[in-house]
Amino acid sequence: MKKLVKESLIEGVADKYAEQTFNIPDKEANFRLKGEDSPVAFIKDDNDIVISIFKNPKNLDNIGKSVRAMGDKDGNLYIAQYPGEFNHGDMANTLVDKGFIDTEKYTHTSEGIYDDPSNFILLIRMMANIFVTSNSYEQVFNSEGLLQKLRDKHSNMIFKMGRNNES
């Protein structure tokens, strides 16, 4: 029994190393998450890798870098655990299916989330606790109000318009 536990720990360490060094998602990490945060949905990317989506995580310890995220008009933050081959529209469709987005605009096309700047903001996690608006989003919309709601609700995180703006 002791040997089995030791092999399991070694496998977990190797998975973490591959994730950090080669940006290879650890498919089993969902089952090793600790703390209060649990995934609210799962998205399968274009390579059939299943990635967890979290709502309002308490911390970002188990969240990768350069991942997609979305904020809503109530200041809720939805964030993918790892980067993957999917877009914000795919993420929104998954959240619609799970009942987190309740609107008639979303009919399984990636257009809905992009056409609703008063209710949603599309984000990318840059590093540590910093989120910036997605490139495609920042060129069209100014959503300082949505960013402020995210700042108010998630005081341990930083939300900014674009990579080059100082907001």
N, C-alpha and C. Protein backbone atom coordinates (compact mmCIF):
# COMPACT_ATOMS: atom_id res chain seq x y z
N MET A 1 0.83 -1.19 0.00
CA MET A 1 0.00 0.00 0.00
C MET A 1 0.87 1.25 0.00
N LYS A 2 1.94 1.25 0.75
CA LYS A 2 2.83 2.39 0.80
C LYS A 2 3.43 2.66 -0.57
N LYS A 3 3.79 1.61 -1.29
CA LYS A 3 4.38 1.77 -2.61
C LYS A 3 3.38 2.41 -3.58
N LEU A 4 2.13 2.02 -3.53
CA LEU A 4 1.11 2.59 -4.40
C LEU A 4 0.95 4.09 -4.17
N VAL A 5 0.93 4.50 -2.92
CA VAL A 5 0.84 5.92 -2.59
C VAL A 5 2.04 6.66 -3.13
N LYS A 6 3.23 6.10 -2.98
CA LYS A 6 4.44 6.74 -3.46
C LYS A 6 4.39 6.90 -4.99
N GLU A 7 3.96 5.89 -5.74
CA GLU A 7 3.87 5.99 -7.19
C GLU A 7 2.86 7.06 -7.60
N SER A 8 1.77 7.15 -6.87
CA SER A 8 0.76 8.16 -7.16
C SER A 8 1.33 9.56 -6.98
N LEU A 9 2.10 9.76 -5.93
CA LEU A 9 2.71 11.06 -5.69
C LEU A 9 3.71 11.40 -6.77
N ILE A 10 4.50 10.45 -7.19
CA ILE A 10 5.48 10.69 -8.24
C ILE A 10 4.77 11.06 -9.53
N GLU A 11 3.68 10.37 -9.85
CA GLU A 11 2.94 10.68 -11.06
C GLU A 11 2.40 12.11 -11.00
N GLY A 12 1.88 12.53 -9.86
CA GLY A 12 1.37 13.88 -9.71
C GLY A 12 2.45 14.92 -9.90
N VAL A 13 3.64 14.66 -9.40
CA VAL A 13 4.77 15.58 -9.55
C VAL A 13 5.16 15.68 -11.02
N ALA A 14 5.20 14.56 -11.70
CA ALA A 14 5.57 14.56 -13.12
C ALA A 14 4.53 15.32 -13.94
N ASP A 15 3.25 15.14 -13.61
CA ASP A 15 2.20 15.86 -14.32
C ASP A 15 2.35 17.36 -14.12
N LYS A 16 2.64 17.78 -12.91
CA LYS A 16 2.81 19.21 -12.61
C LYS A 16 4.01 19.76 -13.37
N TYR A 17 5.11 18.99 -13.42
CA TYR A 17 6.31 19.41 -14.15
C TYR A 17 6.00 19.57 -15.64
N ALA A 18 5.30 18.60 -16.24
CA ALA A 18 4.96 18.67 -17.67
C ALA A 18 4.06 19.87 -17.94
N GLU A 19 3.15 20.14 -17.02
CA GLU A 19 2.26 21.29 -17.18
C GLU A 19 3.04 22.60 -17.18
N GLN A 20 3.94 22.74 -16.21
CA GLN A 20 4.68 24.00 -16.07
C GLN A 20 5.75 24.16 -17.15
N THR A 21 6.42 23.08 -17.50
CA THR A 21 7.53 23.17 -18.43
C THR A 21 7.09 23.19 -19.89
N PHE A 22 6.13 22.33 -20.23
CA PHE A 22 5.75 22.16 -21.62
C PHE A 22 4.33 22.62 -21.93
N ASN A 23 3.65 23.22 -20.92
CA ASN A 23 2.27 23.69 -21.08
C ASN A 23 1.33 22.56 -21.51
N ILE A 24 1.56 21.35 -20.96
CA ILE A 24 0.70 20.20 -21.22
C ILE A 24 -0.30 20.11 -20.08
N PRO A 25 -1.60 20.26 -20.36
CA PRO A 25 -2.59 20.21 -19.29
C PRO A 25 -2.60 18.86 -18.57
N ASP A 26 -2.76 18.91 -17.27
CA ASP A 26 -2.86 17.71 -16.43
C ASP A 26 -4.33 17.33 -16.35
N LYS A 27 -4.73 16.32 -17.13
CA LYS A 27 -6.14 15.93 -17.21
C LYS A 27 -6.68 15.43 -15.87
N GLU A 28 -5.83 14.94 -15.02
CA GLU A 28 -6.27 14.38 -13.75
C GLU A 28 -6.31 15.43 -12.64
N ALA A 29 -5.87 16.64 -12.90
CA ALA A 29 -5.78 17.66 -11.85
C ALA A 29 -7.14 17.97 -11.24
N ASN A 30 -8.20 17.84 -12.01
CA ASN A 30 -9.54 18.12 -11.48
C ASN A 30 -9.83 17.29 -10.24
N PHE A 31 -9.27 16.10 -10.18
CA PHE A 31 -9.55 15.22 -9.07
C PHE A 31 -8.60 15.46 -7.89
N ARG A 32 -7.58 16.29 -8.10
CA ARG A 32 -6.63 16.57 -7.04
C ARG A 32 -6.79 17.97 -6.46
N LEU A 33 -7.77 18.72 -6.94
CA LEU A 33 -7.96 20.08 -6.45
C LEU A 33 -8.30 20.06 -4.97
N LYS A 34 -7.74 21.01 -4.24
CA LYS A 34 -8.01 21.12 -2.82
C LYS A 34 -8.70 22.44 -2.55
N GLY A 35 -9.40 22.52 -1.45
CA GLY A 35 -10.05 23.76 -1.07
C GLY A 35 -11.52 23.75 -1.44
N GLU A 36 -12.12 24.93 -1.41
CA GLU A 36 -13.56 25.06 -1.60
C GLU A 36 -13.97 25.08 -3.06
N ASP A 37 -13.06 25.42 -3.96
CA ASP A 37 -13.42 25.59 -5.36
C ASP A 37 -13.64 24.25 -6.05
N SER A 38 -14.75 24.16 -6.74
CA SER A 38 -15.06 22.99 -7.56
C SER A 38 -15.48 23.49 -8.93
N PRO A 39 -15.19 22.72 -9.98
CA PRO A 39 -15.61 23.15 -11.32
C PRO A 39 -17.13 23.24 -11.41
N VAL A 40 -17.61 24.24 -12.15
CA VAL A 40 -19.05 24.37 -12.38
C VAL A 40 -19.42 23.79 -13.75
N ALA A 41 -18.42 23.61 -14.62
CA ALA A 41 -18.66 23.07 -15.95
C ALA A 41 -17.34 22.53 -16.50
N PHE A 42 -17.45 21.77 -17.56
CA PHE A 42 -16.29 21.23 -18.26
C PHE A 42 -16.46 21.51 -19.74
N ILE A 43 -15.36 21.90 -20.39
CA ILE A 43 -15.38 22.15 -21.82
C ILE A 43 -14.38 21.22 -22.47
N LYS A 44 -14.76 20.65 -23.61
CA LYS A 44 -13.85 19.80 -24.37
C LYS A 44 -13.30 20.65 -25.51
N ASP A 45 -11.98 20.78 -25.58
CA ASP A 45 -11.41 21.63 -26.62
C ASP A 45 -11.31 20.86 -27.94
N ASP A 46 -10.75 21.52 -28.97
CA ASP A 46 -10.66 20.92 -30.30
C ASP A 46 -9.78 19.68 -30.34
N ASN A 47 -8.94 19.48 -29.33
CA ASN A 47 -8.07 18.30 -29.24
C ASN A 47 -8.64 17.25 -28.29
N ASP A 48 -9.92 17.38 -27.93
CA ASP A 48 -10.63 16.46 -27.03
C ASP A 48 -10.05 16.44 -25.61
N ILE A 49 -9.41 17.52 -25.21
CA ILE A 49 -8.93 17.65 -23.83
C ILE A 49 -10.04 18.31 -23.02
N VAL A 50 -10.39 17.70 -21.91
CA VAL A 50 -11.46 18.23 -21.05
C VAL A 50 -10.84 19.21 -20.06
N ILE A 51 -11.40 20.42 -20.02
CA ILE A 51 -10.87 21.49 -19.18
C ILE A 51 -11.98 21.98 -18.26
N SER A 52 -11.66 22.16 -16.99
CA SER A 52 -12.63 22.63 -16.00
C SER A 52 -12.84 24.13 -16.12
N ILE A 53 -14.07 24.56 -15.82
CA ILE A 53 -14.40 25.97 -15.71
C ILE A 53 -14.86 26.23 -14.28
N PHE A 54 -14.28 27.25 -13.66
CA PHE A 54 -14.61 27.60 -12.28
C PHE A 54 -15.37 28.92 -12.24
N LYS A 55 -16.23 29.06 -11.26
CA LYS A 55 -16.94 30.31 -11.03
C LYS A 55 -16.44 30.91 -9.73
N ASN A 56 -15.99 32.15 -9.79
CA ASN A 56 -15.52 32.89 -8.61
C ASN A 56 -14.55 32.10 -7.73
N PRO A 57 -13.43 31.64 -8.31
CA PRO A 57 -12.48 30.88 -7.49
C PRO A 57 -11.92 31.75 -6.37
N LYS A 58 -11.69 31.15 -5.22
CA LYS A 58 -11.14 31.88 -4.06
C LYS A 58 -9.69 32.27 -4.30
N ASN A 59 -8.96 31.39 -5.00
CA ASN A 59 -7.58 31.72 -5.35
C ASN A 59 -7.30 31.10 -6.73
N LEU A 60 -6.14 31.40 -7.26
CA LEU A 60 -5.79 30.96 -8.61
C LEU A 60 -4.67 29.93 -8.61
N ASP A 61 -4.45 29.29 -7.48
CA ASP A 61 -3.34 28.34 -7.34
C ASP A 61 -3.42 27.19 -8.34
N ASN A 62 -4.61 26.72 -8.67
CA ASN A 62 -4.77 25.58 -9.57
C ASN A 62 -5.22 25.99 -10.96
N ILE A 63 -5.03 27.27 -11.30
CA ILE A 63 -5.43 27.80 -12.59
C ILE A 63 -4.16 28.12 -13.39
N GLY A 64 -4.13 27.70 -14.65
CA GLY A 64 -2.97 27.95 -15.50
C GLY A 64 -2.85 29.40 -15.92
N LYS A 65 -1.75 29.71 -16.59
CA LYS A 65 -1.52 31.05 -17.13
C LYS A 65 -2.07 31.12 -18.54
N SER A 66 -2.36 32.31 -19.00
CA SER A 66 -2.89 32.57 -20.35
C SER A 66 -4.18 31.81 -20.62
N VAL A 67 -5.03 31.73 -19.61
CA VAL A 67 -6.31 31.04 -19.77
C VAL A 67 -7.42 32.04 -20.06
N ARG A 68 -8.47 31.56 -20.68
CA ARG A 68 -9.63 32.40 -20.96
C ARG A 68 -10.50 32.53 -19.72
N ALA A 69 -11.11 33.69 -19.61
CA ALA A 69 -12.03 33.96 -18.50
C ALA A 69 -13.11 34.90 -19.02
N MET A 70 -14.20 34.98 -18.28
CA MET A 70 -15.30 35.87 -18.61
C MET A 70 -15.82 36.48 -17.32
N GLY A 71 -16.24 37.73 -17.39
CA GLY A 71 -16.89 38.37 -16.27
C GLY A 71 -18.31 38.74 -16.68
N ASP A 72 -19.23 38.75 -15.72
CA ASP A 72 -20.60 39.16 -16.05
C ASP A 72 -20.98 40.43 -15.31
N LYS A 73 -22.19 40.93 -15.58
CA LYS A 73 -22.64 42.21 -15.03
C LYS A 73 -22.77 42.19 -13.52
N ASP A 74 -22.80 41.00 -12.91
CA ASP A 74 -22.88 40.89 -11.45
C ASP A 74 -21.50 40.74 -10.80
N GLY A 75 -20.44 40.80 -11.61
CA GLY A 75 -19.09 40.67 -11.08
C GLY A 75 -18.62 39.23 -10.91
N ASN A 76 -19.37 38.28 -11.45
CA ASN A 76 -18.94 36.88 -11.38
C ASN A 76 -17.82 36.64 -12.37
N LEU A 77 -16.85 35.85 -11.98
CA LEU A 77 -15.72 35.50 -12.82
C LEU A 77 -15.79 34.02 -13.15
N TYR A 78 -15.81 33.70 -14.43
CA TYR A 78 -15.76 32.33 -14.92
C TYR A 78 -14.40 32.15 -15.56
N ILE A 79 -13.66 31.11 -15.17
CA ILE A 79 -12.30 30.96 -15.65
C ILE A 79 -12.00 29.50 -15.97
N ALA A 80 -11.36 29.28 -17.12
CA ALA A 80 -10.93 27.94 -17.50
C ALA A 80 -9.68 27.59 -16.70
N GLN A 81 -9.54 26.32 -16.38
CA GLN A 81 -8.39 25.91 -15.58
C GLN A 81 -7.09 25.92 -16.39
N TYR A 82 -7.19 25.60 -17.68
CA TYR A 82 -6.01 25.54 -18.54
C TYR A 82 -6.31 26.22 -19.86
N PRO A 83 -5.25 26.68 -20.57
CA PRO A 83 -5.48 27.16 -21.93
C PRO A 83 -5.84 25.96 -22.79
N GLY A 84 -6.58 26.17 -23.83
CA GLY A 84 -6.96 25.06 -24.70
C GLY A 84 -7.40 25.60 -26.05
N GLU A 85 -7.71 24.68 -26.93
CA GLU A 85 -8.15 25.02 -28.27
C GLU A 85 -9.67 25.24 -28.27
N PHE A 86 -10.10 26.36 -27.71
CA PHE A 86 -11.49 26.78 -27.71
C PHE A 86 -11.51 28.29 -27.57
N ASN A 87 -12.64 28.93 -27.90
CA ASN A 87 -12.72 30.38 -27.77
C ASN A 87 -13.72 30.77 -26.70
N HIS A 88 -13.85 32.06 -26.46
CA HIS A 88 -14.78 32.54 -25.44
C HIS A 88 -16.22 32.14 -25.77
N GLY A 89 -16.56 32.10 -27.06
CA GLY A 89 -17.90 31.69 -27.47
C GLY A 89 -18.19 30.25 -27.08
N ASP A 90 -17.22 29.37 -27.27
CA ASP A 90 -17.38 27.97 -26.86
C ASP A 90 -17.58 27.88 -25.35
N MET A 91 -16.82 28.68 -24.63
CA MET A 91 -16.94 28.71 -23.17
C MET A 91 -18.33 29.19 -22.76
N ALA A 92 -18.82 30.23 -23.43
CA ALA A 92 -20.15 30.75 -23.13
C ALA A 92 -21.22 29.70 -23.41
N ASN A 93 -21.10 28.98 -24.53
CA ASN A 93 -22.07 27.94 -24.85
C ASN A 93 -22.10 26.86 -23.77
N THR A 94 -20.94 26.49 -23.25
CA THR A 94 -20.88 25.51 -22.17
C THR A 94 -21.60 26.03 -20.93
N LEU A 95 -21.40 27.32 -20.61
CA LEU A 95 -22.05 27.91 -19.44
C LEU A 95 -23.55 28.07 -19.65
N VAL A 96 -23.99 28.27 -20.90
CA VAL A 96 -25.42 28.30 -21.21
C VAL A 96 -26.02 26.92 -20.91
N ASP A 97 -25.34 25.87 -21.40
CA ASP A 97 -25.83 24.50 -21.19
C ASP A 97 -25.99 24.17 -19.71
N LYS A 98 -25.13 24.72 -18.87
CA LYS A 98 -25.17 24.44 -17.44
C LYS A 98 -26.06 25.42 -16.67
N GLY A 99 -26.66 26.38 -17.37
CA GLY A 99 -27.60 27.29 -16.73
C GLY A 99 -26.97 28.50 -16.07
N PHE A 100 -25.71 28.78 -16.32
CA PHE A 100 -25.06 29.95 -15.72
C PHE A 100 -25.30 31.21 -16.52
N ILE A 101 -25.58 31.06 -17.81
CA ILE A 101 -25.93 32.19 -18.65
C ILE A 101 -27.36 31.95 -19.11
N ASP A 102 -28.25 32.85 -18.73
CA ASP A 102 -29.66 32.68 -19.04
C ASP A 102 -30.11 33.84 -19.91
N THR A 103 -30.04 33.67 -21.20
CA THR A 103 -30.47 34.70 -22.12
C THR A 103 -30.80 34.07 -23.46
N GLU A 104 -31.67 34.70 -24.20
CA GLU A 104 -32.07 34.17 -25.50
C GLU A 104 -31.02 34.44 -26.59
N LYS A 105 -30.03 35.28 -26.29
CA LYS A 105 -29.02 35.61 -27.30
C LYS A 105 -28.12 34.43 -27.65
N TYR A 106 -28.01 33.47 -26.77
CA TYR A 106 -27.01 32.41 -26.95
C TYR A 106 -27.66 31.15 -27.50
N THR A 107 -27.38 30.87 -28.75
CA THR A 107 -27.95 29.71 -29.41
C THR A 107 -26.84 28.88 -30.04
N HIS A 108 -25.85 28.58 -29.28
CA HIS A 108 -24.73 27.75 -29.72
C HIS A 108 -24.04 28.27 -30.97
N THR A 109 -23.86 29.57 -31.00
CA THR A 109 -22.95 30.17 -31.98
C THR A 109 -21.99 31.00 -31.15
N SER A 110 -20.82 31.18 -31.63
CA SER A 110 -19.86 31.94 -30.85
C SER A 110 -20.13 33.44 -30.92
N GLU A 111 -21.14 33.86 -31.66
CA GLU A 111 -21.43 35.28 -31.81
C GLU A 111 -22.07 35.89 -30.58
N GLY A 112 -22.93 35.17 -29.87
CA GLY A 112 -23.70 35.72 -28.78
C GLY A 112 -22.89 36.47 -27.75
N ILE A 113 -21.84 35.86 -27.25
CA ILE A 113 -21.05 36.46 -26.19
C ILE A 113 -20.34 37.73 -26.68
N TYR A 114 -20.01 37.77 -27.96
CA TYR A 114 -19.32 38.93 -28.51
C TYR A 114 -20.28 40.09 -28.77
N ASP A 115 -21.56 39.81 -28.86
CA ASP A 115 -22.55 40.83 -29.15
C ASP A 115 -23.25 41.37 -27.91
N ASP A 116 -22.74 41.09 -26.74
CA ASP A 116 -23.42 41.49 -25.50
C ASP A 116 -22.45 42.16 -24.53
N PRO A 117 -21.83 43.28 -24.93
CA PRO A 117 -20.81 43.92 -24.11
C PRO A 117 -21.34 44.58 -22.84
N SER A 118 -22.65 44.74 -22.74
CA SER A 118 -23.17 45.35 -21.52
C SER A 118 -23.33 44.31 -20.40
N ASN A 119 -23.32 43.04 -20.75
CA ASN A 119 -23.51 41.98 -19.76
C ASN A 119 -22.29 41.12 -19.52
N PHE A 120 -21.36 41.07 -20.48
CA PHE A 120 -20.20 40.18 -20.36
C PHE A 120 -18.94 40.87 -20.84
N ILE A 121 -17.83 40.51 -20.22
CA ILE A 121 -16.52 40.98 -20.66
C ILE A 121 -15.62 39.76 -20.82
N LEU A 122 -14.86 39.74 -21.89
CA LEU A 122 -14.00 38.61 -22.21
C LEU A 122 -12.58 38.93 -21.76
N LEU A 123 -11.98 37.99 -21.04
CA LEU A 123 -10.69 38.24 -20.38
C LEU A 123 -9.67 37.14 -20.67
N ILE A 124 -8.42 37.49 -20.44
CA ILE A 124 -7.31 36.54 -20.47
C ILE A 124 -6.51 36.75 -19.19
N ARG A 125 -6.15 35.67 -18.51
CA ARG A 125 -5.27 35.78 -17.34
C ARG A 125 -3.85 35.90 -17.85
N MET A 126 -3.20 37.01 -17.52
CA MET A 126 -1.83 37.25 -18.00
C MET A 126 -0.79 36.59 -17.11
N MET A 127 -0.82 36.90 -15.84
CA MET A 127 0.14 36.33 -14.90
C MET A 127 -0.41 36.50 -13.50
N ALA A 128 0.08 35.72 -12.60
CA ALA A 128 -0.32 35.78 -11.20
C ALA A 128 -1.81 36.07 -11.06
N ASN A 129 -2.16 37.27 -10.64
CA ASN A 129 -3.57 37.61 -10.41
C ASN A 129 -4.06 38.72 -11.35
N ILE A 130 -3.43 38.87 -12.51
CA ILE A 130 -3.76 39.95 -13.44
C ILE A 130 -4.55 39.43 -14.63
N PHE A 131 -5.70 40.06 -14.89
CA PHE A 131 -6.54 39.74 -16.03
C PHE A 131 -6.65 40.97 -16.91
N VAL A 132 -6.60 40.77 -18.24
CA VAL A 132 -6.80 41.87 -19.18
C VAL A 132 -7.88 41.47 -20.18
N THR A 133 -8.50 42.47 -20.81
CA THR A 133 -9.51 42.17 -21.80
C THR A 133 -8.88 41.45 -22.98
N SER A 134 -9.64 40.57 -23.59
CA SER A 134 -9.20 39.82 -24.75
C SER A 134 -8.92 40.77 -25.91
N ASN A 135 -7.95 40.44 -26.75
CA ASN A 135 -7.58 41.29 -27.88
C ASN A 135 -8.75 41.64 -28.77
N SER A 136 -9.55 40.66 -29.16
CA SER A 136 -10.67 40.94 -30.06
C SER A 136 -11.71 41.82 -29.38
N TYR A 137 -11.83 41.70 -28.09
CA TYR A 137 -12.84 42.43 -27.34
C TYR A 137 -12.44 43.88 -27.11
N GLU A 138 -11.17 44.10 -26.76
CA GLU A 138 -10.73 45.45 -26.36
C GLU A 138 -10.77 46.43 -27.51
N GLN A 139 -10.74 45.96 -28.74
CA GLN A 139 -10.74 46.87 -29.87
C GLN A 139 -12.13 47.43 -30.14
N VAL A 140 -13.16 46.79 -29.63
CA VAL A 140 -14.52 47.18 -29.95
C VAL A 140 -15.25 47.84 -28.79
N PHE A 141 -15.03 47.39 -27.58
CA PHE A 141 -15.85 47.81 -26.45
C PHE A 141 -15.02 48.43 -25.33
N ASN A 142 -15.62 49.39 -24.65
CA ASN A 142 -15.04 49.92 -23.43
C ASN A 142 -15.95 49.50 -22.29
N SER A 143 -15.48 48.64 -21.45
CA SER A 143 -16.33 48.06 -20.40
C SER A 143 -15.75 48.31 -19.01
N GLU A 144 -15.39 49.54 -18.75
CA GLU A 144 -14.82 49.88 -17.45
C GLU A 144 -15.80 49.53 -16.32
N GLY A 145 -17.10 49.69 -16.55
CA GLY A 145 -18.10 49.37 -15.53
C GLY A 145 -18.07 47.90 -15.13
N LEU A 146 -17.96 47.01 -16.13
CA LEU A 146 -17.88 45.57 -15.83
C LEU A 146 -16.57 45.24 -15.12
N LEU A 147 -15.49 45.88 -15.53
CA LEU A 147 -14.21 45.65 -14.86
C LEU A 147 -14.29 46.08 -13.39
N GLN A 148 -14.96 47.20 -13.13
CA GLN A 148 -15.08 47.68 -11.75
C GLN A 148 -15.88 46.70 -10.90
N LYS A 149 -16.92 46.11 -11.46
CA LYS A 149 -17.70 45.11 -10.70
C LYS A 149 -16.84 43.90 -10.36
N LEU A 150 -15.99 43.50 -11.29
CA LEU A 150 -15.06 42.39 -11.01
C LEU A 150 -14.07 42.78 -9.92
N ARG A 151 -13.53 44.00 -10.00
CA ARG A 151 -12.60 44.47 -8.97
C ARG A 151 -13.26 44.49 -7.59
N ASP A 152 -14.50 44.94 -7.54
CA ASP A 152 -15.22 45.02 -6.25
C ASP A 152 -15.43 43.63 -5.65
N LYS A 153 -15.74 42.67 -6.48
CA LYS A 153 -16.07 41.32 -5.99
C LYS A 153 -14.83 40.46 -5.75
N HIS A 154 -13.73 40.76 -6.46
CA HIS A 154 -12.50 39.95 -6.38
C HIS A 154 -11.33 40.87 -6.06
N SER A 155 -11.28 41.33 -4.84
CA SER A 155 -10.27 42.32 -4.46
C SER A 155 -8.85 41.78 -4.49
N ASN A 156 -8.69 40.47 -4.53
CA ASN A 156 -7.35 39.88 -4.59
C ASN A 156 -6.85 39.72 -6.03
N MET A 157 -7.61 40.23 -7.00
CA MET A 157 -7.24 40.13 -8.41
C MET A 157 -7.26 41.50 -9.06
N ILE A 158 -6.52 41.64 -10.17
CA ILE A 158 -6.42 42.90 -10.90
C ILE A 158 -7.05 42.71 -12.27
N PHE A 159 -7.95 43.62 -12.66
CA PHE A 159 -8.64 43.57 -13.95
C PHE A 159 -8.36 44.85 -14.70
N LYS A 160 -7.86 44.73 -15.96
CA LYS A 160 -7.47 45.90 -16.74
C LYS A 160 -8.00 45.82 -18.16
N MET A 161 -8.20 46.99 -18.78
CA MET A 161 -8.53 47.06 -20.20
C MET A 161 -7.25 46.89 -20.99
N GLY A 162 -7.16 45.86 -21.79
CA GLY A 162 -6.05 45.69 -22.72
C GLY A 162 -4.70 45.52 -22.08
N ARG A 163 -3.79 45.06 -22.88
CA ARG A 163 -2.43 44.80 -22.41
C ARG A 163 -1.61 46.07 -22.29
N ASN A 164 -1.97 47.11 -23.03
CA ASN A 164 -1.15 48.32 -23.04
C ASN A 164 -1.77 49.48 -22.31
N ASN A 165 -3.02 49.35 -21.88
CA ASN A 165 -3.67 50.44 -21.16
C ASN A 165 -3.31 50.41 -19.69
N GLU A 166 -3.39 51.52 -19.03
CA GLU A 166 -3.02 51.62 -17.63
C GLU A 166 -4.22 51.55 -16.69
N SER A 167 -5.44 51.27 -17.20
CA SER A 167 -6.63 51.29 -16.34
C SER A 167 -6.54 50.26 -15.23
